[in-house]
């Protein structure tokens, strides 16, 4: 079993928090990746370009590109952003993903996402993540209640994200799907070029 398989197995176990049922094979298609109803979204829901971001809260490259991704989505105004929490680096990464997705139920996913991405460094432990979440101003009592009520739903979403990343043969985080293009770390100018290239490709159809 290689390192990727070990990480995959460890993350599946950590994400469940309950006994894991035998996973059944599922066909991963474009619609499943773009339109998972449980996946958090940002930007313009009617945007003409969709960016799908596979991220880990212990990934320094994700943290480096996060401000530029946020900036391009905000300044462009026509980008739909789909977040794919893909916690492959540590069990603390899984904890961060669970908490961020849990905040979605009070409409604060991006608040917690930004707080976790704002923690400098890597190998961030759960305790530091929790401190960042507390400082973000979310309703912690409701967050815990939402985590308890939706634990299995959150675990299933993380499993789908893992399966989708595997189906795309993704090598690591971050990975951005921008229309038909797949790329890793980008700066603001790089995001602009990728978005423009996708719009140009759409115009040629």
N, C-alpha and C. Protein backbone atom coordinates (compact mmCIF):
# COMPACT_ATOMS: atom_id res chain seq x y z
N UNK A 1 0.86 -1.20 0.00
CA UNK A 1 0.00 0.00 0.00
C UNK A 1 0.89 1.24 0.00
N UNK A 2 0.70 2.14 -0.97
CA UNK A 2 1.54 3.32 -1.03
C UNK A 2 1.03 4.43 -0.10
N UNK A 3 1.80 5.53 -0.06
CA UNK A 3 1.48 6.60 0.89
C UNK A 3 0.09 7.19 0.61
N UNK A 4 -0.25 7.31 -0.68
CA UNK A 4 -1.56 7.87 -1.02
C UNK A 4 -2.68 6.98 -0.51
N UNK A 5 -2.52 5.67 -0.65
CA UNK A 5 -3.54 4.73 -0.16
C UNK A 5 -3.66 4.79 1.35
N UNK A 6 -2.50 4.92 2.02
CA UNK A 6 -2.53 5.02 3.48
C UNK A 6 -3.28 6.27 3.91
N UNK A 7 -2.98 7.39 3.26
CA UNK A 7 -3.68 8.64 3.58
C UNK A 7 -5.17 8.52 3.32
N UNK A 8 -5.51 7.92 2.18
CA UNK A 8 -6.92 7.76 1.83
C UNK A 8 -7.65 6.96 2.90
N UNK A 9 -7.05 5.85 3.32
CA UNK A 9 -7.69 5.01 4.33
C UNK A 9 -7.80 5.74 5.66
N UNK A 10 -6.75 6.45 6.05
CA UNK A 10 -6.75 7.16 7.32
C UNK A 10 -7.80 8.27 7.33
N UNK A 11 -7.91 8.98 6.22
CA UNK A 11 -8.88 10.07 6.16
C UNK A 11 -10.31 9.53 6.18
N UNK A 12 -10.55 8.46 5.48
CA UNK A 12 -11.89 7.85 5.50
C UNK A 12 -12.27 7.46 6.93
N UNK A 13 -11.34 6.87 7.64
CA UNK A 13 -11.61 6.44 9.01
C UNK A 13 -11.84 7.64 9.91
N UNK A 14 -11.02 8.66 9.77
CA UNK A 14 -11.16 9.83 10.63
C UNK A 14 -12.43 10.61 10.31
N UNK A 15 -12.83 10.62 9.05
CA UNK A 15 -14.00 11.41 8.66
C UNK A 15 -15.29 10.80 9.17
N UNK A 16 -15.29 9.50 9.33
CA UNK A 16 -16.56 8.85 9.65
C UNK A 16 -17.05 9.14 11.05
N UNK A 17 -16.19 9.01 12.03
CA UNK A 17 -16.56 9.15 13.44
C UNK A 17 -17.61 8.13 13.85
N UNK A 18 -17.98 7.27 12.94
CA UNK A 18 -18.94 6.19 13.14
C UNK A 18 -18.42 4.99 12.36
N UNK A 19 -18.89 3.77 12.65
CA UNK A 19 -18.43 2.63 11.86
C UNK A 19 -18.68 2.84 10.37
N UNK A 20 -17.68 2.56 9.57
CA UNK A 20 -17.80 2.77 8.14
C UNK A 20 -18.44 1.56 7.48
N UNK A 21 -19.44 1.83 6.66
CA UNK A 21 -20.04 0.77 5.87
C UNK A 21 -19.12 0.49 4.68
N UNK A 22 -19.22 -0.69 4.13
CA UNK A 22 -18.45 -1.01 2.93
C UNK A 22 -18.86 -0.05 1.82
N UNK A 23 -17.88 0.69 1.31
CA UNK A 23 -18.18 1.68 0.27
C UNK A 23 -18.58 0.97 -1.02
N UNK A 24 -19.64 1.46 -1.64
CA UNK A 24 -20.04 0.88 -2.92
C UNK A 24 -19.45 1.72 -4.03
N UNK A 25 -19.13 1.07 -5.12
CA UNK A 25 -18.55 1.78 -6.25
C UNK A 25 -19.56 2.77 -6.81
N UNK A 26 -19.09 3.96 -7.13
CA UNK A 26 -19.98 4.94 -7.74
C UNK A 26 -19.29 5.53 -8.96
N UNK A 27 -20.09 5.88 -9.93
CA UNK A 27 -19.55 6.48 -11.13
C UNK A 27 -19.42 7.97 -10.90
N UNK A 28 -18.21 8.48 -11.07
CA UNK A 28 -17.96 9.90 -10.89
C UNK A 28 -18.07 10.58 -12.25
N UNK A 29 -18.95 11.55 -12.34
CA UNK A 29 -19.10 12.27 -13.61
C UNK A 29 -18.98 13.77 -13.36
N UNK A 30 -18.98 14.53 -14.43
CA UNK A 30 -18.79 15.98 -14.34
C UNK A 30 -19.89 16.62 -13.49
N UNK A 31 -21.11 16.18 -13.67
CA UNK A 31 -22.21 16.77 -12.91
C UNK A 31 -22.05 16.53 -11.41
N UNK A 32 -21.56 15.34 -11.04
CA UNK A 32 -21.36 15.04 -9.62
C UNK A 32 -20.32 15.97 -9.02
N UNK A 33 -19.31 16.31 -9.78
CA UNK A 33 -18.25 17.18 -9.28
C UNK A 33 -18.72 18.63 -9.23
N UNK A 34 -19.42 19.07 -10.24
CA UNK A 34 -19.82 20.47 -10.33
C UNK A 34 -21.04 20.81 -9.48
N UNK A 35 -21.91 19.84 -9.26
CA UNK A 35 -23.22 20.16 -8.69
C UNK A 35 -23.61 19.30 -7.50
N UNK A 36 -22.66 18.98 -6.65
CA UNK A 36 -23.00 18.27 -5.42
C UNK A 36 -23.78 19.23 -4.53
N UNK A 37 -25.03 18.93 -4.20
CA UNK A 37 -25.85 19.86 -3.43
C UNK A 37 -25.32 20.14 -2.03
N UNK A 38 -24.44 19.28 -1.51
CA UNK A 38 -23.90 19.48 -0.16
C UNK A 38 -22.58 20.26 -0.16
N UNK A 39 -21.97 20.44 -1.33
CA UNK A 39 -20.68 21.13 -1.40
C UNK A 39 -20.87 22.62 -1.20
N UNK A 40 -20.11 23.24 -0.32
CA UNK A 40 -20.22 24.70 -0.14
C UNK A 40 -19.83 25.44 -1.41
N UNK A 41 -20.47 26.58 -1.61
CA UNK A 41 -20.19 27.38 -2.79
C UNK A 41 -19.98 28.84 -2.40
N UNK A 42 -19.30 29.56 -3.29
CA UNK A 42 -19.11 30.99 -3.13
C UNK A 42 -19.20 31.66 -4.49
N UNK A 43 -19.00 32.96 -4.50
CA UNK A 43 -19.05 33.69 -5.76
C UNK A 43 -20.47 33.85 -6.27
N UNK A 44 -20.60 33.90 -7.59
CA UNK A 44 -21.88 34.12 -8.25
C UNK A 44 -22.48 32.77 -8.66
N UNK A 45 -23.62 32.39 -8.07
CA UNK A 45 -24.20 31.08 -8.41
C UNK A 45 -24.60 30.97 -9.88
N UNK A 46 -24.76 32.12 -10.55
CA UNK A 46 -25.10 32.11 -11.97
C UNK A 46 -23.88 32.44 -12.84
N UNK A 47 -22.71 32.31 -12.30
CA UNK A 47 -21.50 32.67 -13.04
C UNK A 47 -21.31 31.87 -14.31
N UNK A 48 -20.58 32.46 -15.25
CA UNK A 48 -20.34 31.79 -16.54
C UNK A 48 -19.08 30.92 -16.50
N UNK A 49 -18.29 31.03 -15.45
CA UNK A 49 -17.12 30.19 -15.25
C UNK A 49 -17.22 29.59 -13.85
N UNK A 50 -16.94 28.30 -13.74
CA UNK A 50 -16.94 27.63 -12.44
C UNK A 50 -15.51 27.21 -12.10
N UNK A 51 -15.09 27.56 -10.90
CA UNK A 51 -13.82 27.08 -10.37
C UNK A 51 -14.13 26.08 -9.27
N UNK A 52 -13.60 24.88 -9.40
CA UNK A 52 -13.73 23.85 -8.37
C UNK A 52 -12.39 23.76 -7.67
N UNK A 53 -12.38 23.99 -6.35
CA UNK A 53 -11.13 24.06 -5.60
C UNK A 53 -11.01 22.90 -4.63
N UNK A 54 -10.04 22.01 -4.86
CA UNK A 54 -9.74 20.91 -3.95
C UNK A 54 -8.65 21.38 -2.99
N UNK A 55 -8.97 21.43 -1.69
CA UNK A 55 -8.12 22.11 -0.72
C UNK A 55 -7.96 21.32 0.57
N UNK A 56 -6.89 21.61 1.29
CA UNK A 56 -6.62 21.03 2.61
C UNK A 56 -6.16 22.15 3.53
N UNK A 57 -6.69 22.20 4.74
CA UNK A 57 -6.36 23.29 5.66
C UNK A 57 -4.97 23.19 6.27
N UNK A 58 -4.22 22.15 5.96
CA UNK A 58 -2.83 22.07 6.37
C UNK A 58 -1.89 22.19 5.18
N UNK A 59 -2.41 22.65 4.06
CA UNK A 59 -1.61 22.79 2.84
C UNK A 59 -1.12 24.24 2.71
N UNK A 60 0.20 24.46 2.82
CA UNK A 60 0.72 25.84 2.72
C UNK A 60 0.49 26.47 1.36
N UNK A 61 0.45 25.66 0.31
CA UNK A 61 0.23 26.21 -1.03
C UNK A 61 -1.23 26.64 -1.22
N UNK A 62 -2.14 25.91 -0.56
CA UNK A 62 -3.55 26.33 -0.56
C UNK A 62 -3.67 27.70 0.11
N UNK A 63 -2.96 27.84 1.23
CA UNK A 63 -3.02 29.09 1.98
C UNK A 63 -2.41 30.24 1.19
N UNK A 64 -1.36 29.95 0.45
CA UNK A 64 -0.71 30.99 -0.34
C UNK A 64 -1.60 31.50 -1.45
N UNK A 65 -2.34 30.59 -2.09
CA UNK A 65 -3.17 31.01 -3.23
C UNK A 65 -4.57 31.46 -2.82
N UNK A 66 -4.98 31.18 -1.57
CA UNK A 66 -6.35 31.50 -1.14
C UNK A 66 -6.71 32.98 -1.29
N UNK A 67 -5.86 33.93 -0.88
CA UNK A 67 -6.24 35.34 -1.04
C UNK A 67 -6.42 35.74 -2.50
N UNK A 68 -5.59 35.21 -3.40
CA UNK A 68 -5.73 35.54 -4.81
C UNK A 68 -6.97 34.91 -5.42
N UNK A 69 -7.32 33.70 -4.97
CA UNK A 69 -8.57 33.09 -5.44
C UNK A 69 -9.75 33.92 -4.97
N UNK A 70 -9.76 34.31 -3.72
CA UNK A 70 -10.85 35.14 -3.19
C UNK A 70 -10.94 36.46 -3.96
N UNK A 71 -9.79 37.05 -4.24
CA UNK A 71 -9.77 38.33 -4.95
C UNK A 71 -10.33 38.22 -6.35
N UNK A 72 -9.92 37.19 -7.09
CA UNK A 72 -10.38 37.08 -8.48
C UNK A 72 -11.87 36.80 -8.53
N UNK A 73 -12.39 36.00 -7.60
CA UNK A 73 -13.83 35.72 -7.56
C UNK A 73 -14.61 36.99 -7.26
N UNK A 74 -14.09 37.78 -6.33
CA UNK A 74 -14.78 39.01 -5.93
C UNK A 74 -14.73 40.07 -7.01
N UNK A 75 -13.56 40.30 -7.61
CA UNK A 75 -13.42 41.37 -8.59
C UNK A 75 -14.05 41.03 -9.93
N UNK A 76 -14.02 39.76 -10.30
CA UNK A 76 -14.63 39.35 -11.58
C UNK A 76 -16.14 39.44 -11.52
N UNK A 77 -16.73 38.89 -10.48
CA UNK A 77 -18.18 38.98 -10.31
C UNK A 77 -19.00 37.96 -11.08
N UNK A 78 -18.35 37.18 -11.95
CA UNK A 78 -19.09 36.22 -12.77
C UNK A 78 -18.55 34.80 -12.60
N UNK A 79 -17.91 34.56 -11.47
CA UNK A 79 -17.31 33.25 -11.22
C UNK A 79 -18.08 32.54 -10.12
N UNK A 80 -18.42 31.29 -10.37
CA UNK A 80 -19.02 30.42 -9.36
C UNK A 80 -17.89 29.57 -8.79
N UNK A 81 -17.80 29.55 -7.48
CA UNK A 81 -16.72 28.82 -6.81
C UNK A 81 -17.29 27.65 -6.02
N UNK A 82 -16.79 26.46 -6.28
CA UNK A 82 -17.22 25.25 -5.58
C UNK A 82 -16.06 24.76 -4.73
N UNK A 83 -16.29 24.66 -3.42
CA UNK A 83 -15.25 24.20 -2.50
C UNK A 83 -15.33 22.68 -2.34
N UNK A 84 -14.17 22.04 -2.51
CA UNK A 84 -14.06 20.60 -2.28
C UNK A 84 -13.04 20.39 -1.16
N UNK A 85 -13.52 20.25 0.05
CA UNK A 85 -12.63 19.94 1.16
C UNK A 85 -12.05 18.55 0.92
N UNK A 86 -10.74 18.50 0.77
CA UNK A 86 -10.04 17.25 0.44
C UNK A 86 -8.91 17.07 1.45
N UNK A 87 -9.23 16.63 2.66
CA UNK A 87 -8.26 16.59 3.75
C UNK A 87 -7.37 15.35 3.71
N UNK A 88 -6.24 15.47 3.04
CA UNK A 88 -5.38 14.30 2.81
C UNK A 88 -4.06 14.36 3.57
N UNK A 89 -3.80 15.45 4.30
CA UNK A 89 -2.48 15.63 4.89
C UNK A 89 -2.39 15.18 6.34
N UNK A 90 -3.48 15.21 7.08
CA UNK A 90 -3.42 14.81 8.48
C UNK A 90 -4.83 14.64 9.02
N UNK A 91 -4.94 14.04 10.20
CA UNK A 91 -6.25 13.93 10.85
C UNK A 91 -6.77 15.31 11.25
N UNK A 92 -5.85 16.23 11.59
CA UNK A 92 -6.28 17.59 11.91
C UNK A 92 -6.90 18.26 10.68
N UNK A 93 -6.41 17.90 9.50
CA UNK A 93 -7.01 18.41 8.27
C UNK A 93 -8.47 17.98 8.16
N UNK A 94 -8.74 16.73 8.55
CA UNK A 94 -10.11 16.23 8.52
C UNK A 94 -10.97 17.02 9.50
N UNK A 95 -10.43 17.26 10.69
CA UNK A 95 -11.16 18.06 11.68
C UNK A 95 -11.50 19.44 11.12
N UNK A 96 -10.53 20.10 10.48
CA UNK A 96 -10.78 21.41 9.90
C UNK A 96 -11.87 21.37 8.85
N UNK A 97 -11.83 20.34 8.00
CA UNK A 97 -12.85 20.20 6.96
C UNK A 97 -14.23 20.00 7.57
N UNK A 98 -14.32 19.14 8.59
CA UNK A 98 -15.61 18.90 9.24
C UNK A 98 -16.18 20.18 9.84
N UNK A 99 -15.33 20.95 10.51
CA UNK A 99 -15.78 22.18 11.16
C UNK A 99 -16.22 23.21 10.12
N UNK A 100 -15.44 23.35 9.05
CA UNK A 100 -15.80 24.32 8.01
C UNK A 100 -17.13 23.96 7.37
N UNK A 101 -17.30 22.68 7.03
CA UNK A 101 -18.56 22.26 6.42
C UNK A 101 -19.70 22.41 7.42
N UNK A 102 -19.45 22.12 8.70
CA UNK A 102 -20.48 22.31 9.71
C UNK A 102 -20.95 23.74 9.79
N UNK A 103 -20.04 24.69 9.57
CA UNK A 103 -20.41 26.11 9.61
C UNK A 103 -21.32 26.51 8.46
N UNK A 104 -21.34 25.67 7.42
CA UNK A 104 -22.21 25.95 6.27
C UNK A 104 -23.67 26.05 6.69
N UNK A 105 -24.06 25.27 7.71
CA UNK A 105 -25.46 25.22 8.11
C UNK A 105 -25.93 26.50 8.79
N UNK A 106 -25.00 27.36 9.19
CA UNK A 106 -25.38 28.68 9.70
C UNK A 106 -24.92 29.77 8.72
N UNK A 107 -24.63 29.35 7.48
CA UNK A 107 -24.25 30.31 6.45
C UNK A 107 -22.89 30.93 6.65
N UNK A 108 -21.96 30.21 7.33
CA UNK A 108 -20.67 30.80 7.65
C UNK A 108 -19.50 29.93 7.17
N UNK A 109 -19.73 29.14 6.15
CA UNK A 109 -18.64 28.31 5.66
C UNK A 109 -17.43 29.16 5.27
N UNK A 110 -17.64 30.19 4.46
CA UNK A 110 -16.51 30.97 3.98
C UNK A 110 -15.82 31.72 5.11
N UNK A 111 -16.56 32.08 6.16
CA UNK A 111 -15.95 32.72 7.32
C UNK A 111 -14.95 31.79 7.98
N UNK A 112 -15.37 30.55 8.22
CA UNK A 112 -14.49 29.57 8.86
C UNK A 112 -13.38 29.16 7.89
N UNK A 113 -13.71 28.97 6.64
CA UNK A 113 -12.70 28.64 5.62
C UNK A 113 -11.57 29.66 5.63
N UNK A 114 -11.93 30.93 5.62
CA UNK A 114 -10.93 31.99 5.60
C UNK A 114 -10.10 31.99 6.88
N UNK A 115 -10.77 31.75 8.01
CA UNK A 115 -10.06 31.71 9.29
C UNK A 115 -9.04 30.58 9.32
N UNK A 116 -9.42 29.40 8.83
CA UNK A 116 -8.51 28.26 8.83
C UNK A 116 -7.38 28.44 7.82
N UNK A 117 -7.69 28.99 6.66
CA UNK A 117 -6.64 29.25 5.68
C UNK A 117 -5.68 30.34 6.15
N UNK A 118 -6.13 31.17 7.08
CA UNK A 118 -5.30 32.26 7.57
C UNK A 118 -4.31 31.86 8.63
N UNK A 119 -4.36 30.60 9.10
CA UNK A 119 -3.38 30.14 10.09
C UNK A 119 -2.07 29.85 9.37
N UNK A 120 -0.98 30.54 9.72
CA UNK A 120 0.27 30.31 9.00
C UNK A 120 0.88 28.95 9.30
N UNK A 121 1.63 28.44 8.33
CA UNK A 121 2.35 27.19 8.53
C UNK A 121 1.57 25.96 8.12
N UNK A 122 2.14 24.79 8.45
CA UNK A 122 1.50 23.52 8.16
C UNK A 122 1.55 22.68 9.42
N UNK A 123 1.00 21.50 9.36
CA UNK A 123 0.89 20.63 10.54
C UNK A 123 0.19 21.35 11.69
N UNK A 124 -0.86 22.09 11.34
CA UNK A 124 -1.61 22.84 12.35
C UNK A 124 -2.46 21.86 13.15
N UNK A 125 -2.35 21.85 14.48
CA UNK A 125 -3.14 20.91 15.28
C UNK A 125 -4.59 21.37 15.43
N UNK A 126 -5.43 20.47 15.87
CA UNK A 126 -6.85 20.79 16.04
C UNK A 126 -7.05 21.97 16.98
N UNK A 127 -6.24 22.07 18.03
CA UNK A 127 -6.42 23.11 19.03
C UNK A 127 -6.27 24.50 18.40
N UNK A 128 -5.27 24.67 17.55
CA UNK A 128 -5.09 25.97 16.88
C UNK A 128 -6.21 26.24 15.89
N UNK A 129 -6.70 25.20 15.23
CA UNK A 129 -7.83 25.38 14.33
C UNK A 129 -9.05 25.84 15.11
N UNK A 130 -9.30 25.22 16.25
CA UNK A 130 -10.45 25.59 17.05
C UNK A 130 -10.35 27.02 17.53
N UNK A 131 -9.15 27.44 17.92
CA UNK A 131 -8.95 28.83 18.33
C UNK A 131 -9.30 29.80 17.20
N UNK A 132 -8.90 29.45 15.98
CA UNK A 132 -9.19 30.31 14.83
C UNK A 132 -10.69 30.36 14.56
N UNK A 133 -11.35 29.23 14.72
CA UNK A 133 -12.80 29.19 14.52
C UNK A 133 -13.50 30.05 15.56
N UNK A 134 -13.07 29.95 16.81
CA UNK A 134 -13.65 30.77 17.87
C UNK A 134 -13.49 32.26 17.56
N UNK A 135 -12.31 32.64 17.08
CA UNK A 135 -12.02 34.04 16.79
C UNK A 135 -12.79 34.56 15.58
N UNK A 136 -13.31 33.65 14.75
CA UNK A 136 -14.01 34.07 13.53
C UNK A 136 -15.39 34.65 13.81
N UNK A 137 -15.92 34.39 15.01
CA UNK A 137 -17.21 34.95 15.38
C UNK A 137 -18.40 34.09 15.05
N UNK A 138 -18.18 32.84 14.66
CA UNK A 138 -19.33 31.96 14.40
C UNK A 138 -20.01 31.59 15.71
N UNK A 139 -21.24 31.17 15.61
CA UNK A 139 -21.99 30.71 16.78
C UNK A 139 -21.51 29.29 17.10
N UNK A 140 -20.66 29.17 18.12
CA UNK A 140 -20.04 27.88 18.43
C UNK A 140 -21.05 26.85 18.93
N UNK A 141 -22.04 27.31 19.68
CA UNK A 141 -23.05 26.38 20.19
C UNK A 141 -23.85 25.79 19.03
N UNK A 142 -24.22 26.65 18.09
CA UNK A 142 -24.95 26.14 16.93
C UNK A 142 -24.04 25.27 16.06
N UNK A 143 -22.78 25.67 15.93
CA UNK A 143 -21.84 24.87 15.14
C UNK A 143 -21.76 23.45 15.67
N UNK A 144 -21.63 23.30 16.99
CA UNK A 144 -21.55 21.97 17.57
C UNK A 144 -22.83 21.20 17.35
N UNK A 145 -23.97 21.88 17.49
CA UNK A 145 -25.25 21.21 17.26
C UNK A 145 -25.38 20.76 15.80
N UNK A 146 -24.93 21.59 14.88
CA UNK A 146 -24.99 21.23 13.46
C UNK A 146 -24.04 20.08 13.13
N UNK A 147 -22.87 20.09 13.76
CA UNK A 147 -21.93 18.98 13.56
C UNK A 147 -22.53 17.67 14.06
N UNK A 148 -23.15 17.72 15.23
CA UNK A 148 -23.76 16.51 15.80
C UNK A 148 -24.91 16.00 14.93
N UNK A 149 -25.73 16.93 14.43
CA UNK A 149 -26.91 16.55 13.67
C UNK A 149 -26.56 16.07 12.26
N UNK A 150 -25.43 16.55 11.72
CA UNK A 150 -25.12 16.27 10.31
C UNK A 150 -23.79 15.52 10.14
N UNK A 151 -23.36 14.84 11.20
CA UNK A 151 -22.05 14.18 11.17
C UNK A 151 -21.91 13.19 10.02
N UNK A 152 -22.91 12.35 9.83
CA UNK A 152 -22.81 11.36 8.77
C UNK A 152 -22.92 12.01 7.39
N UNK A 153 -23.74 13.03 7.27
CA UNK A 153 -23.86 13.74 5.99
C UNK A 153 -22.52 14.40 5.62
N UNK A 154 -21.86 14.98 6.61
CA UNK A 154 -20.55 15.60 6.37
C UNK A 154 -19.52 14.54 5.99
N UNK A 155 -19.54 13.42 6.68
CA UNK A 155 -18.62 12.33 6.36
C UNK A 155 -18.82 11.82 4.94
N UNK A 156 -20.08 11.69 4.53
CA UNK A 156 -20.37 11.21 3.18
C UNK A 156 -19.87 12.21 2.14
N UNK A 157 -20.00 13.51 2.43
CA UNK A 157 -19.49 14.52 1.50
C UNK A 157 -17.97 14.40 1.36
N UNK A 158 -17.27 14.24 2.47
CA UNK A 158 -15.82 14.09 2.41
C UNK A 158 -15.43 12.83 1.63
N UNK A 159 -16.18 11.76 1.78
CA UNK A 159 -15.90 10.54 1.02
C UNK A 159 -16.11 10.79 -0.48
N UNK A 160 -17.16 11.52 -0.82
CA UNK A 160 -17.40 11.82 -2.24
C UNK A 160 -16.26 12.67 -2.80
N UNK A 161 -15.83 13.67 -2.02
CA UNK A 161 -14.72 14.50 -2.47
C UNK A 161 -13.46 13.68 -2.71
N UNK A 162 -13.17 12.75 -1.80
CA UNK A 162 -12.03 11.87 -1.95
C UNK A 162 -12.15 11.01 -3.21
N UNK A 163 -13.33 10.46 -3.42
CA UNK A 163 -13.56 9.61 -4.59
C UNK A 163 -13.44 10.41 -5.88
N UNK A 164 -13.96 11.64 -5.87
CA UNK A 164 -13.87 12.47 -7.06
C UNK A 164 -12.42 12.85 -7.36
N UNK A 165 -11.66 13.18 -6.32
CA UNK A 165 -10.24 13.49 -6.52
C UNK A 165 -9.51 12.29 -7.09
N UNK A 166 -9.82 11.10 -6.58
CA UNK A 166 -9.20 9.88 -7.11
C UNK A 166 -9.58 9.65 -8.57
N UNK A 167 -10.85 9.89 -8.89
CA UNK A 167 -11.30 9.66 -10.26
C UNK A 167 -10.61 10.59 -11.24
N UNK A 168 -10.19 11.76 -10.75
CA UNK A 168 -9.50 12.74 -11.59
C UNK A 168 -7.98 12.57 -11.55
N UNK A 169 -7.52 11.56 -10.76
CA UNK A 169 -6.08 11.32 -10.61
C UNK A 169 -5.34 12.56 -10.10
N UNK A 170 -5.95 13.26 -9.16
CA UNK A 170 -5.30 14.45 -8.62
C UNK A 170 -4.09 14.05 -7.80
N UNK A 171 -3.02 14.83 -7.93
CA UNK A 171 -1.76 14.49 -7.28
C UNK A 171 -1.65 15.10 -5.88
N UNK A 172 -2.37 16.17 -5.61
CA UNK A 172 -2.27 16.81 -4.31
C UNK A 172 -2.99 18.13 -4.29
N UNK A 173 -2.88 18.81 -3.16
CA UNK A 173 -3.55 20.09 -2.98
C UNK A 173 -2.54 21.23 -3.13
N UNK A 174 -3.02 22.40 -3.61
CA UNK A 174 -4.36 22.60 -4.13
C UNK A 174 -4.45 22.13 -5.58
N UNK A 175 -5.65 21.77 -5.99
CA UNK A 175 -5.94 21.56 -7.41
C UNK A 175 -7.18 22.36 -7.75
N UNK A 176 -7.10 23.10 -8.84
CA UNK A 176 -8.22 23.92 -9.29
C UNK A 176 -8.68 23.45 -10.66
N UNK A 177 -9.96 23.18 -10.76
CA UNK A 177 -10.58 22.92 -12.06
C UNK A 177 -11.24 24.21 -12.49
N UNK A 178 -10.76 24.77 -13.59
CA UNK A 178 -11.30 26.04 -14.09
C UNK A 178 -11.83 25.77 -15.48
N UNK A 179 -13.16 25.53 -15.54
CA UNK A 179 -13.73 25.09 -16.79
C UNK A 179 -13.10 23.76 -17.18
N UNK A 180 -12.52 23.71 -18.34
CA UNK A 180 -11.91 22.46 -18.83
C UNK A 180 -10.45 22.31 -18.39
N UNK A 181 -9.93 23.29 -17.67
CA UNK A 181 -8.53 23.28 -17.30
C UNK A 181 -8.32 22.80 -15.87
N UNK A 182 -7.21 22.06 -15.65
CA UNK A 182 -6.84 21.58 -14.33
C UNK A 182 -5.45 22.09 -14.02
N UNK A 183 -5.30 22.75 -12.86
CA UNK A 183 -4.01 23.33 -12.52
C UNK A 183 -3.83 23.34 -11.01
N UNK A 184 -2.62 23.68 -10.57
CA UNK A 184 -2.35 23.70 -9.13
C UNK A 184 -2.20 25.14 -8.67
N UNK A 185 -1.14 25.45 -7.93
CA UNK A 185 -1.01 26.77 -7.31
C UNK A 185 -1.00 27.87 -8.36
N UNK A 186 -1.83 28.88 -8.13
CA UNK A 186 -1.91 30.04 -9.02
C UNK A 186 -1.85 31.32 -8.21
N UNK A 187 -1.35 32.37 -8.83
CA UNK A 187 -1.46 33.70 -8.24
C UNK A 187 -2.61 34.42 -8.93
N UNK A 188 -2.82 35.68 -8.58
CA UNK A 188 -3.97 36.42 -9.12
C UNK A 188 -3.93 36.47 -10.65
N UNK A 189 -2.76 36.79 -11.19
CA UNK A 189 -2.64 36.87 -12.65
C UNK A 189 -2.90 35.52 -13.30
N UNK A 190 -2.44 34.46 -12.65
CA UNK A 190 -2.67 33.12 -13.18
C UNK A 190 -4.14 32.75 -13.19
N UNK A 191 -4.85 33.10 -12.13
CA UNK A 191 -6.30 32.84 -12.11
C UNK A 191 -7.00 33.62 -13.22
N UNK A 192 -6.60 34.88 -13.40
CA UNK A 192 -7.21 35.69 -14.46
C UNK A 192 -7.00 35.06 -15.83
N UNK A 193 -5.78 34.59 -16.08
CA UNK A 193 -5.49 33.98 -17.39
C UNK A 193 -6.32 32.72 -17.59
N UNK A 194 -6.43 31.90 -16.55
CA UNK A 194 -7.19 30.65 -16.67
C UNK A 194 -8.67 30.92 -16.91
N UNK A 195 -9.21 31.90 -16.20
CA UNK A 195 -10.62 32.26 -16.38
C UNK A 195 -10.85 32.79 -17.79
N UNK A 196 -9.96 33.66 -18.26
CA UNK A 196 -10.08 34.21 -19.61
C UNK A 196 -9.98 33.11 -20.67
N UNK A 197 -9.08 32.16 -20.45
CA UNK A 197 -8.92 31.06 -21.40
C UNK A 197 -10.19 30.21 -21.46
N UNK A 198 -10.84 29.98 -20.30
CA UNK A 198 -12.06 29.20 -20.31
C UNK A 198 -13.18 29.95 -21.03
N UNK A 199 -13.28 31.24 -20.80
CA UNK A 199 -14.31 32.03 -21.50
C UNK A 199 -14.08 32.02 -23.00
N UNK A 200 -12.81 32.11 -23.40
CA UNK A 200 -12.49 32.08 -24.83
C UNK A 200 -12.87 30.73 -25.43
N UNK A 201 -12.62 29.65 -24.69
CA UNK A 201 -12.98 28.31 -25.16
C UNK A 201 -14.48 28.17 -25.30
N UNK A 202 -15.22 28.73 -24.33
CA UNK A 202 -16.68 28.68 -24.42
C UNK A 202 -17.19 29.43 -25.64
N UNK A 203 -16.55 30.56 -25.95
CA UNK A 203 -16.99 31.39 -27.08
C UNK A 203 -16.78 30.68 -28.41
N UNK A 204 -15.82 29.76 -28.44
CA UNK A 204 -15.51 29.06 -29.69
C UNK A 204 -16.48 27.93 -29.97
N UNK A 205 -17.28 27.54 -28.99
CA UNK A 205 -18.18 26.42 -29.18
C UNK A 205 -19.28 26.77 -30.19
